């Protein structure tokens, strides 16, 4: 289902860690008013990280 975010936490997780994840998600969704915006932003970050990693390996 594209409308569901599936979180798979470790077997032990504290309330503070859950609160931190929820706060981060709230921040992300307040800045990106659609899932497409989140996906595009995440894609750009992933591509930048990959390209940056490739350049570091070549040097």
PDB file of N, CA and C in Angstrom:
ATOM      1  N   UNK A   1       0.842  -1.171   0.000  1.00  0.00           N
ATOM      2  CA  UNK A   1       0.000   0.000   0.000  1.00  0.00           C
ATOM      3  C   UNK A   1       0.893   1.242   0.000  1.00  0.00           C
ATOM      4  N   UNK A   2       0.794   2.101  -1.007  1.00  0.00           N
ATOM      5  CA  UNK A   2       1.659   3.282  -1.081  1.00  0.00           C
ATOM      6  C   UNK A   2       1.354   4.339  -0.024  1.00  0.00           C
ATOM      7  N   UNK A   3       0.263   4.194   0.701  1.00  0.00           N
ATOM      8  CA  UNK A   3      -0.098   5.165   1.734  1.00  0.00           C
ATOM      9  C   UNK A   3       0.366   4.750   3.120  1.00  0.00           C
ATOM     10  N   UNK A   4       1.188   3.714   3.198  1.00  0.00           N
ATOM     11  CA  UNK A   4       1.630   3.185   4.483  1.00  0.00           C
ATOM     12  C   UNK A   4       3.146   3.297   4.579  1.00  0.00           C
ATOM     13  N   UNK A   5       3.620   3.803   5.696  1.00  0.00           N
ATOM     14  CA  UNK A   5       5.055   3.802   5.981  1.00  0.00           C
ATOM     15  C   UNK A   5       5.289   2.684   6.979  1.00  0.00           C
ATOM     16  N   UNK A   6       6.070   1.723   6.579  1.00  0.00           N
ATOM     17  CA  UNK A   6       6.318   0.562   7.431  1.00  0.00           C
ATOM     18  C   UNK A   6       7.619   0.780   8.197  1.00  0.00           C
ATOM     19  N   UNK A   7       7.535   0.770   9.497  1.00  0.00           N
ATOM     20  CA  UNK A   7       8.711   0.918  10.352  1.00  0.00           C
ATOM     21  C   UNK A   7       9.004  -0.420  11.002  1.00  0.00           C
ATOM     22  N   UNK A   8      10.241  -0.838  10.912  1.00  0.00           N
ATOM     23  CA  UNK A   8      10.644  -2.105  11.512  1.00  0.00           C
ATOM     24  C   UNK A   8      11.742  -1.823  12.528  1.00  0.00           C
ATOM     25  N   UNK A   9      11.346  -1.456  13.731  1.00  0.00           N
ATOM     26  CA  UNK A   9      12.355  -1.131  14.745  1.00  0.00           C
ATOM     27  C   UNK A   9      13.039  -2.388  15.274  1.00  0.00           C
ATOM     28  N   UNK A  10      14.158  -2.204  15.947  1.00  0.00           N
ATOM     29  CA  UNK A  10      14.797  -3.353  16.587  1.00  0.00           C
ATOM     30  C   UNK A  10      13.893  -3.918  17.683  1.00  0.00           C
ATOM     31  N   UNK A  11      14.252  -5.057  18.189  1.00  0.00           N
ATOM     32  CA  UNK A  11      13.428  -5.691  19.218  1.00  0.00           C
ATOM     33  C   UNK A  11      13.303  -4.833  20.468  1.00  0.00           C
ATOM     34  N   UNK A  12      14.316  -4.046  20.753  1.00  0.00           N
ATOM     35  CA  UNK A  12      14.231  -3.150  21.910  1.00  0.00           C
ATOM     36  C   UNK A  12      14.321  -1.718  21.412  1.00  0.00           C
ATOM     37  N   UNK A  13      13.352  -0.933  21.784  1.00  0.00           N
ATOM     38  CA  UNK A  13      13.330   0.473  21.392  1.00  0.00           C
ATOM     39  C   UNK A  13      12.728   1.258  22.549  1.00  0.00           C
ATOM     40  N   UNK A  14      13.329   2.405  22.822  1.00  0.00           N
ATOM     41  CA  UNK A  14      12.835   3.209  23.944  1.00  0.00           C
ATOM     42  C   UNK A  14      11.766   4.190  23.469  1.00  0.00           C
ATOM     43  N   UNK A  15      11.011   4.706  24.404  1.00  0.00           N
ATOM     44  CA  UNK A  15       9.983   5.694  24.084  1.00  0.00           C
ATOM     45  C   UNK A  15      10.632   6.933  23.466  1.00  0.00           C
ATOM     46  N   UNK A  16      11.791   7.316  23.959  1.00  0.00           N
ATOM     47  CA  UNK A  16      12.497   8.481  23.435  1.00  0.00           C
ATOM     48  C   UNK A  16      12.889   8.275  21.971  1.00  0.00           C
ATOM     49  N   UNK A  17      13.325   7.065  21.629  1.00  0.00           N
ATOM     50  CA  UNK A  17      13.688   6.776  20.240  1.00  0.00           C
ATOM     51  C   UNK A  17      12.463   6.839  19.330  1.00  0.00           C
ATOM     52  N   UNK A  18      11.347   6.330  19.790  1.00  0.00           N
ATOM     53  CA  UNK A  18      10.107   6.402  19.010  1.00  0.00           C
ATOM     54  C   UNK A  18       9.689   7.858  18.828  1.00  0.00           C
ATOM     55  N   UNK A  19       9.761   8.643  19.896  1.00  0.00           N
ATOM     56  CA  UNK A  19       9.416  10.062  19.811  1.00  0.00           C
ATOM     57  C   UNK A  19      10.313  10.790  18.812  1.00  0.00           C
ATOM     58  N   UNK A  20      11.591  10.427  18.797  1.00  0.00           N
ATOM     59  CA  UNK A  20      12.543  11.054  17.871  1.00  0.00           C
ATOM     60  C   UNK A  20      12.180  10.747  16.422  1.00  0.00           C
ATOM     61  N   UNK A  21      11.842   9.505  16.127  1.00  0.00           N
ATOM     62  CA  UNK A  21      11.448   9.116  14.769  1.00  0.00           C
ATOM     63  C   UNK A  21      10.172   9.838  14.356  1.00  0.00           C
ATOM     64  N   UNK A  22       9.192   9.877  15.242  1.00  0.00           N
ATOM     65  CA  UNK A  22       7.927  10.541  14.922  1.00  0.00           C
ATOM     66  C   UNK A  22       8.124  12.038  14.701  1.00  0.00           C
ATOM     67  N   UNK A  23       8.973  12.664  15.489  1.00  0.00           N
ATOM     68  CA  UNK A  23       9.254  14.091  15.305  1.00  0.00           C
ATOM     69  C   UNK A  23       9.940  14.335  13.961  1.00  0.00           C
ATOM     70  N   UNK A  24      10.862  13.454  13.591  1.00  0.00           N
ATOM     71  CA  UNK A  24      11.544  13.590  12.303  1.00  0.00           C
ATOM     72  C   UNK A  24      10.558  13.434  11.150  1.00  0.00           C
ATOM     73  N   UNK A  25       9.663  12.447  11.241  1.00  0.00           N
ATOM     74  CA  UNK A  25       8.655  12.257  10.194  1.00  0.00           C
ATOM     75  C   UNK A  25       7.730  13.463  10.092  1.00  0.00           C
ATOM     76  N   UNK A  26       7.330  13.992  11.228  1.00  0.00           N
ATOM     77  CA  UNK A  26       6.462  15.175  11.228  1.00  0.00           C
ATOM     78  C   UNK A  26       7.164  16.347  10.549  1.00  0.00           C
ATOM     79  N   UNK A  27       8.442  16.522  10.823  1.00  0.00           N
ATOM     80  CA  UNK A  27       9.229  17.581  10.206  1.00  0.00           C
ATOM     81  C   UNK A  27       9.314  17.388   8.691  1.00  0.00           C
ATOM     82  N   UNK A  28       9.573  16.176   8.263  1.00  0.00           N
ATOM     83  CA  UNK A  28       9.671  15.872   6.835  1.00  0.00           C
ATOM     84  C   UNK A  28       8.355  16.158   6.130  1.00  0.00           C
ATOM     85  N   UNK A  29       7.260  15.691   6.706  1.00  0.00           N
ATOM     86  CA  UNK A  29       5.965  15.864   6.057  1.00  0.00           C
ATOM     87  C   UNK A  29       5.480  17.307   6.102  1.00  0.00           C
ATOM     88  N   UNK A  30       5.905  18.080   7.077  1.00  0.00           N
ATOM     89  CA  UNK A  30       5.503  19.489   7.105  1.00  0.00           C
ATOM     90  C   UNK A  30       6.228  20.287   6.023  1.00  0.00           C
ATOM     91  N   UNK A  31       7.428  19.855   5.644  1.00  0.00           N
ATOM     92  CA  UNK A  31       8.192  20.540   4.596  1.00  0.00           C
ATOM     93  C   UNK A  31       7.809  20.056   3.200  1.00  0.00           C
ATOM     94  N   UNK A  32       7.348  18.835   3.085  1.00  0.00           N
ATOM     95  CA  UNK A  32       6.969  18.243   1.803  1.00  0.00           C
ATOM     96  C   UNK A  32       5.499  17.871   1.880  1.00  0.00           C
ATOM     97  N   UNK A  33       4.685  18.580   1.131  1.00  0.00           N
ATOM     98  CA  UNK A  33       3.240  18.417   1.265  1.00  0.00           C
ATOM     99  C   UNK A  33       2.683  17.209   0.526  1.00  0.00           C
ATOM    100  N   UNK A  34       3.551  16.434  -0.100  1.00  0.00           N
ATOM    101  CA  UNK A  34       3.074  15.228  -0.774  1.00  0.00           C
ATOM    102  C   UNK A  34       4.140  14.145  -0.681  1.00  0.00           C
ATOM    103  N   UNK A  35       3.719  12.918  -0.887  1.00  0.00           N
ATOM    104  CA  UNK A  35       4.672  11.810  -0.866  1.00  0.00           C
ATOM    105  C   UNK A  35       5.662  11.950  -2.012  1.00  0.00           C
ATOM    106  N   UNK A  36       5.195  12.463  -3.158  1.00  0.00           N
ATOM    107  CA  UNK A  36       6.080  12.648  -4.305  1.00  0.00           C
ATOM    108  C   UNK A  36       7.229  13.590  -3.943  1.00  0.00           C
ATOM    109  N   UNK A  37       6.929  14.650  -3.207  1.00  0.00           N
ATOM    110  CA  UNK A  37       7.981  15.570  -2.774  1.00  0.00           C
ATOM    111  C   UNK A  37       9.014  14.886  -1.902  1.00  0.00           C
ATOM    112  N   UNK A  38       8.560  14.038  -1.004  1.00  0.00           N
ATOM    113  CA  UNK A  38       9.473  13.283  -0.139  1.00  0.00           C
ATOM    114  C   UNK A  38      10.309  12.326  -0.983  1.00  0.00           C
ATOM    115  N   UNK A  39       9.672  11.642  -1.927  1.00  0.00           N
ATOM    116  CA  UNK A  39      10.377  10.671  -2.766  1.00  0.00           C
ATOM    117  C   UNK A  39      11.442  11.357  -3.620  1.00  0.00           C
ATOM    118  N   UNK A  40      11.100  12.488  -4.214  1.00  0.00           N
ATOM    119  CA  UNK A  40      12.061  13.214  -5.047  1.00  0.00           C
ATOM    120  C   UNK A  40      13.230  13.709  -4.204  1.00  0.00           C
ATOM    121  N   UNK A  41      12.936  14.272  -3.059  1.00  0.00           N
ATOM    122  CA  UNK A  41      13.987  14.758  -2.168  1.00  0.00           C
ATOM    123  C   UNK A  41      14.903  13.623  -1.725  1.00  0.00           C
ATOM    124  N   UNK A  42      14.318  12.491  -1.363  1.00  0.00           N
ATOM    125  CA  UNK A  42      15.107  11.328  -0.940  1.00  0.00           C
ATOM    126  C   UNK A  42      15.952  10.801  -2.090  1.00  0.00           C
ATOM    127  N   UNK A  43      15.367  10.775  -3.279  1.00  0.00           N
ATOM    128  CA  UNK A  43      16.101  10.311  -4.458  1.00  0.00           C
ATOM    129  C   UNK A  43      17.306  11.183  -4.746  1.00  0.00           C
ATOM    130  N   UNK A  44      17.123  12.493  -4.660  1.00  0.00           N
ATOM    131  CA  UNK A  44      18.240  13.418  -4.884  1.00  0.00           C
ATOM    132  C   UNK A  44      19.352  13.180  -3.867  1.00  0.00           C
ATOM    133  N   UNK A  45      18.982  12.992  -2.613  1.00  0.00           N
ATOM    134  CA  UNK A  45      19.982  12.748  -1.569  1.00  0.00           C
ATOM    135  C   UNK A  45      20.726  11.446  -1.819  1.00  0.00           C
ATOM    136  N   UNK A  46      19.995  10.405  -2.201  1.00  0.00           N
ATOM    137  CA  UNK A  46      20.622   9.103  -2.455  1.00  0.00           C
ATOM    138  C   UNK A  46      21.584   9.186  -3.631  1.00  0.00           C
ATOM    139  N   UNK A  47      21.169   9.870  -4.685  1.00  0.00           N
ATOM    140  CA  UNK A  47      22.033  10.000  -5.861  1.00  0.00           C
ATOM    141  C   UNK A  47      23.277  10.810  -5.516  1.00  0.00           C
ATOM    142  N   UNK A  48      23.110  11.898  -4.797  1.00  0.00           N
ATOM    143  CA  UNK A  48      24.257  12.722  -4.400  1.00  0.00           C
ATOM    144  C   UNK A  48      25.239  11.925  -3.552  1.00  0.00           C
ATOM    145  N   UNK A  49      24.720  11.139  -2.621  1.00  0.00           N
ATOM    146  CA  UNK A  49      25.586  10.323  -1.767  1.00  0.00           C
ATOM    147  C   UNK A  49      26.337   9.285  -2.584  1.00  0.00           C
ATOM    148  N   UNK A  50      25.645   8.666  -3.530  1.00  0.00           N
ATOM    149  CA  UNK A  50      26.267   7.638  -4.367  1.00  0.00           C
ATOM    150  C   UNK A  50      27.353   8.244  -5.238  1.00  0.00           C
ATOM    151  N   UNK A  51      27.049   9.354  -5.880  1.00  0.00           N
ATOM    152  CA  UNK A  51      28.028  10.003  -6.750  1.00  0.00           C
ATOM    153  C   UNK A  51      29.220  10.483  -5.928  1.00  0.00           C
ATOM    154  N   UNK A  52      28.954  11.064  -4.766  1.00  0.00           N
ATOM    155  CA  UNK A  52      30.045  11.506  -3.896  1.00  0.00           C
ATOM    156  C   UNK A  52      30.932  10.348  -3.484  1.00  0.00           C
ATOM    157  N   UNK A  53      30.334   9.203  -3.195  1.00  0.00           N
ATOM    158  CA  UNK A  53      31.092   8.014  -2.820  1.00  0.00           C
ATOM    159  C   UNK A  53      31.951   7.502  -3.959  1.00  0.00           C
ATOM    160  N   UNK A  54      31.434   7.589  -5.181  1.00  0.00           N
ATOM    161  CA  UNK A  54      32.199   7.143  -6.346  1.00  0.00           C
ATOM    162  C   UNK A  54      33.425   8.021  -6.556  1.00  0.00           C
ATOM    163  N   UNK A  55      33.255   9.332  -6.403  1.00  0.00           N
ATOM    164  CA  UNK A  55      34.389  10.233  -6.580  1.00  0.00           C
ATOM    165  C   UNK A  55      35.444  10.017  -5.507  1.00  0.00           C
ATOM    166  N   UNK A  56      35.042   9.730  -4.288  1.00  0.00           N
ATOM    167  CA  UNK A  56      35.998   9.491  -3.206  1.00  0.00           C
ATOM    168  C   UNK A  56      36.809   8.231  -3.475  1.00  0.00           C
ATOM    169  N   UNK A  57      36.156   7.205  -4.029  1.00  0.00           N
ATOM    170  CA  UNK A  57      36.860   5.942  -4.314  1.00  0.00           C
ATOM    171  C   UNK A  57      37.893   6.117  -5.412  1.00  0.00           C
ATOM    172  N   UNK A  58      37.610   7.000  -6.375  1.00  0.00           N
ATOM    173  CA  UNK A  58      38.525   7.187  -7.497  1.00  0.00           C
ATOM    174  C   UNK A  58      39.772   7.959  -7.087  1.00  0.00           C
ATOM    175  N   UNK A  59      39.678   8.755  -6.038  1.00  0.00           N
ATOM    176  CA  UNK A  59      40.820   9.587  -5.617  1.00  0.00           C
ATOM    177  C   UNK A  59      41.715   8.854  -4.712  1.00  0.00           C
TER     178      UNK A  59
END
